[in-house]
C-alpha atoms as a PDB file:
ATOM      1  CA  UNK A   1     -15.182 -27.025   5.752  1.00  0.00           C
ATOM      2  CA  UNK A   2     -16.298 -27.847   2.289  1.00  0.00           C
ATOM      3  CA  UNK A   3     -19.793 -26.133   2.544  1.00  0.00           C
ATOM      4  CA  UNK A   4     -20.112 -22.489   3.306  1.00  0.00           C
ATOM      5  CA  UNK A   5     -21.375 -22.326   6.846  1.00  0.00           C
ATOM      6  CA  UNK A   6     -24.719 -20.464   7.554  1.00  0.00           C
ATOM      7  CA  UNK A   7     -23.296 -18.293  10.270  1.00  0.00           C
ATOM      8  CA  UNK A   8     -20.240 -17.527  12.264  1.00  0.00           C
ATOM      9  CA  UNK A   9     -21.516 -19.717  15.076  1.00  0.00           C
ATOM     10  CA  UNK A  10     -21.863 -22.726  12.667  1.00  0.00           C
ATOM     11  CA  UNK A  11     -18.221 -21.938  11.298  1.00  0.00           C
ATOM     12  CA  UNK A  12     -16.994 -22.159  14.801  1.00  0.00           C
ATOM     13  CA  UNK A  13     -19.045 -25.161  15.697  1.00  0.00           C
ATOM     14  CA  UNK A  14     -17.698 -27.058  12.552  1.00  0.00           C
ATOM     15  CA  UNK A  15     -13.876 -26.435  13.600  1.00  0.00           C
ATOM     16  CA  UNK A  16     -11.983 -28.980  15.487  1.00  0.00           C
ATOM     17  CA  UNK A  17     -12.903 -28.588  19.261  1.00  0.00           C
ATOM     18  CA  UNK A  18      -9.414 -27.734  20.308  1.00  0.00           C
ATOM     19  CA  UNK A  19      -9.347 -24.459  18.265  1.00  0.00           C
ATOM     20  CA  UNK A  20     -12.947 -23.208  18.894  1.00  0.00           C
ATOM     21  CA  UNK A  21     -11.731 -21.151  21.895  1.00  0.00           C
ATOM     22  CA  UNK A  22      -9.162 -19.510  19.909  1.00  0.00           C
ATOM     23  CA  UNK A  23     -11.688 -18.769  17.046  1.00  0.00           C
ATOM     24  CA  UNK A  24     -14.101 -17.304  19.821  1.00  0.00           C
ATOM     25  CA  UNK A  25     -11.326 -15.190  21.068  1.00  0.00           C
ATOM     26  CA  UNK A  26     -10.630 -13.682  17.576  1.00  0.00           C
ATOM     27  CA  UNK A  27     -14.410 -13.105  16.983  1.00  0.00           C
ATOM     28  CA  UNK A  28     -14.740 -11.469  20.409  1.00  0.00           C
ATOM     29  CA  UNK A  29     -11.741  -9.145  19.856  1.00  0.00           C
ATOM     30  CA  UNK A  30     -13.302  -7.973  16.545  1.00  0.00           C
ATOM     31  CA  UNK A  31     -16.789  -7.447  18.194  1.00  0.00           C
ATOM     32  CA  UNK A  32     -15.330  -5.622  21.015  1.00  0.00           C
ATOM     33  CA  UNK A  33     -13.996  -2.817  18.965  1.00  0.00           C
ATOM     34  CA  UNK A  34     -16.551  -3.081  16.079  1.00  0.00           C
ATOM     35  CA  UNK A  35     -19.831  -3.932  17.960  1.00  0.00           C
ATOM     36  CA  UNK A  36     -22.017  -2.368  15.057  1.00  0.00           C
ATOM     37  CA  UNK A  37     -20.176  -4.151  12.264  1.00  0.00           C
ATOM     38  CA  UNK A  38     -22.468  -6.603  10.407  1.00  0.00           C
ATOM     39  CA  UNK A  39     -21.327 -10.195  10.891  1.00  0.00           C
ATOM     40  CA  UNK A  40     -21.697 -12.676   8.184  1.00  0.00           C
ATOM     41  CA  UNK A  41     -19.845 -15.332   6.061  1.00  0.00           C
ATOM     42  CA  UNK A  42     -17.909 -14.393   3.067  1.00  0.00           C
ATOM     43  CA  UNK A  43     -15.246 -16.560   1.279  1.00  0.00           C
ATOM     44  CA  UNK A  44     -16.407 -19.307   3.375  1.00  0.00           C
ATOM     45  CA  UNK A  45     -15.202 -17.497   6.597  1.00  0.00           C
ATOM     46  CA  UNK A  46     -16.416 -14.959   9.191  1.00  0.00           C
ATOM     47  CA  UNK A  47     -16.615 -11.488   7.850  1.00  0.00           C
ATOM     48  CA  UNK A  48     -17.279  -8.044   9.320  1.00  0.00           C
ATOM     49  CA  UNK A  49     -18.667  -5.012   7.402  1.00  0.00           C
ATOM     50  CA  UNK A  50     -18.338  -1.703   8.970  1.00  0.00           C
ATOM     51  CA  UNK A  51     -18.870   0.948   6.313  1.00  0.00           C
ATOM     52  CA  UNK A  52     -17.195  -1.478   3.975  1.00  0.00           C
ATOM     53  CA  UNK A  53     -14.916  -4.453   4.367  1.00  0.00           C
ATOM     54  CA  UNK A  54     -13.500  -4.427   7.763  1.00  0.00           C
ATOM     55  CA  UNK A  55     -12.013  -7.819   8.434  1.00  0.00           C
ATOM     56  CA  UNK A  56     -12.131 -11.769   7.961  1.00  0.00           C
ATOM     57  CA  UNK A  57     -10.727 -14.616   9.861  1.00  0.00           C
ATOM     58  CA  UNK A  58     -10.286 -18.245   9.007  1.00  0.00           C
ATOM     59  CA  UNK A  59      -8.864 -21.287  10.268  1.00  0.00           C
ATOM     60  CA  UNK A  60      -5.953 -22.914   8.434  1.00  0.00           C
ATOM     61  CA  UNK A  61      -3.881 -25.895   9.286  1.00  0.00           C
ATOM     62  CA  UNK A  62      -1.367 -24.318  11.571  1.00  0.00           C
ATOM     63  CA  UNK A  63      -2.693 -20.797  12.080  1.00  0.00           C
ATOM     64  CA  UNK A  64      -5.806 -18.521  12.158  1.00  0.00           C
ATOM     65  CA  UNK A  65      -5.686 -16.073   9.328  1.00  0.00           C
ATOM     66  CA  UNK A  66      -6.698 -12.587  10.301  1.00  0.00           C
ATOM     67  CA  UNK A  67      -7.505 -10.648   6.967  1.00  0.00           C
ATOM     68  CA  UNK A  68      -7.466  -6.862   7.150  1.00  0.00           C
ATOM     69  CA  UNK A  69      -7.522  -4.702   3.853  1.00  0.00           C
ATOM     70  CA  UNK A  70      -4.306  -2.877   3.011  1.00  0.00           C
ATOM     71  CA  UNK A  71      -2.608  -0.798   4.145  1.00  0.00           C
ATOM     72  CA  UNK A  72      -3.317  -1.662   7.881  1.00  0.00           C
ATOM     73  CA  UNK A  73      -0.652  -4.626   7.909  1.00  0.00           C
ATOM     74  CA  UNK A  74       2.032  -2.565   6.352  1.00  0.00           C
ATOM     75  CA  UNK A  75       1.350   0.333   8.764  1.00  0.00           C
ATOM     76  CA  UNK A  76       1.884  -1.974  11.751  1.00  0.00           C
ATOM     77  CA  UNK A  77       4.777  -3.720  10.576  1.00  0.00           C
ATOM     78  CA  UNK A  78       6.931  -3.309  13.663  1.00  0.00           C
ATOM     79  CA  UNK A  79       4.195  -4.733  15.799  1.00  0.00           C
ATOM     80  CA  UNK A  80       3.723  -7.574  13.598  1.00  0.00           C
ATOM     81  CA  UNK A  81       7.336  -8.470  13.273  1.00  0.00           C
ATOM     82  CA  UNK A  82       6.800 -11.811  15.200  1.00  0.00           C
ATOM     83  CA  UNK A  83       4.129 -12.939  12.915  1.00  0.00           C
ATOM     84  CA  UNK A  84       4.091 -14.206   9.362  1.00  0.00           C
ATOM     85  CA  UNK A  85       2.139 -11.633   7.274  1.00  0.00           C
ATOM     86  CA  UNK A  86       1.062 -10.821   3.724  1.00  0.00           C
ATOM     87  CA  UNK A  87      -0.152  -7.521   2.315  1.00  0.00           C
ATOM     88  CA  UNK A  88      -3.585  -8.226   3.882  1.00  0.00           C
ATOM     89  CA  UNK A  89      -3.194 -10.915   6.370  1.00  0.00           C
ATOM     90  CA  UNK A  90      -1.580 -11.893   9.775  1.00  0.00           C
ATOM     91  CA  UNK A  91      -1.001 -15.733  10.636  1.00  0.00           C
ATOM     92  CA  UNK A  92      -1.863 -16.185  14.201  1.00  0.00           C
ATOM     93  CA  UNK A  93      -0.149 -19.713  15.083  1.00  0.00           C
ATOM     94  CA  UNK A  94      -2.480 -22.078  16.880  1.00  0.00           C
ATOM     95  CA  UNK A  95       0.217 -23.015  19.204  1.00  0.00           C
ATOM     96  CA  UNK A  96       0.475 -19.426  20.845  1.00  0.00           C
ATOM     97  CA  UNK A  97      -2.031 -17.293  22.705  1.00  0.00           C
ATOM     98  CA  UNK A  98      -4.378 -15.013  20.508  1.00  0.00           C
ATOM     99  CA  UNK A  99      -2.924 -11.573  20.542  1.00  0.00           C
ATOM    100  CA  UNK A 100      -6.348  -9.740  21.298  1.00  0.00           C
ATOM    101  CA  UNK A 101      -4.732  -6.459  21.979  1.00  0.00           C
ATOM    102  CA  UNK A 102      -3.249  -6.497  18.693  1.00  0.00           C
ATOM    103  CA  UNK A 103      -6.136  -7.921  16.776  1.00  0.00           C
ATOM    104  CA  UNK A 104      -8.231  -5.011  18.335  1.00  0.00           C
ATOM    105  CA  UNK A 105      -5.590  -2.304  17.271  1.00  0.00           C
ATOM    106  CA  UNK A 106      -5.528  -3.748  13.621  1.00  0.00           C
ATOM    107  CA  UNK A 107      -9.369  -3.552  13.376  1.00  0.00           C
ATOM    108  CA  UNK A 108      -9.560  -0.153  14.903  1.00  0.00           C
ATOM    109  CA  UNK A 109      -7.055   1.029  12.303  1.00  0.00           C
ATOM    110  CA  UNK A 110      -9.143  -0.519   9.558  1.00  0.00           C
ATOM    111  CA  UNK A 111     -12.492   1.173  11.006  1.00  0.00           C
ATOM    112  CA  UNK A 112     -10.872   4.572  11.036  1.00  0.00           C
ATOM    113  CA  UNK A 113      -9.973   4.050   7.212  1.00  0.00           C
ATOM    114  CA  UNK A 114     -13.286   3.033   6.469  1.00  0.00           C
ATOM    115  CA  UNK A 115     -14.757   6.036   8.487  1.00  0.00           C
ATOM    116  CA  UNK A 116     -12.742   8.226   6.370  1.00  0.00           C
ATOM    117  CA  UNK A 117     -13.780   6.524   3.184  1.00  0.00           C
ATOM    118  CA  UNK A 118     -10.597   5.058   2.256  1.00  0.00           C
END
């Protein structure tokens, strides 16, 4: 995806057909816990704003990156032990099921921090 997509729908539509359902699952998990978050495109990927930066997700070669501002990843280190992580990202392998419950938990944790002004 060279050009920035106009919307999250356009982002998902531009992805290879075999990964679109996984992208939709990630999107649905975020929207389920943050229904009032503003959805847009930032850094050429889907972005959610809820009282500040909440989450992004993006398709990579072998995974979907879920990006949540620190310290959420570190605080959930044990639950994320089976995933490759960075300070602000979780790599969700394309050859595995999307961990919807885990995504919801991480987004909820970031929402609480945003509510508290952290």
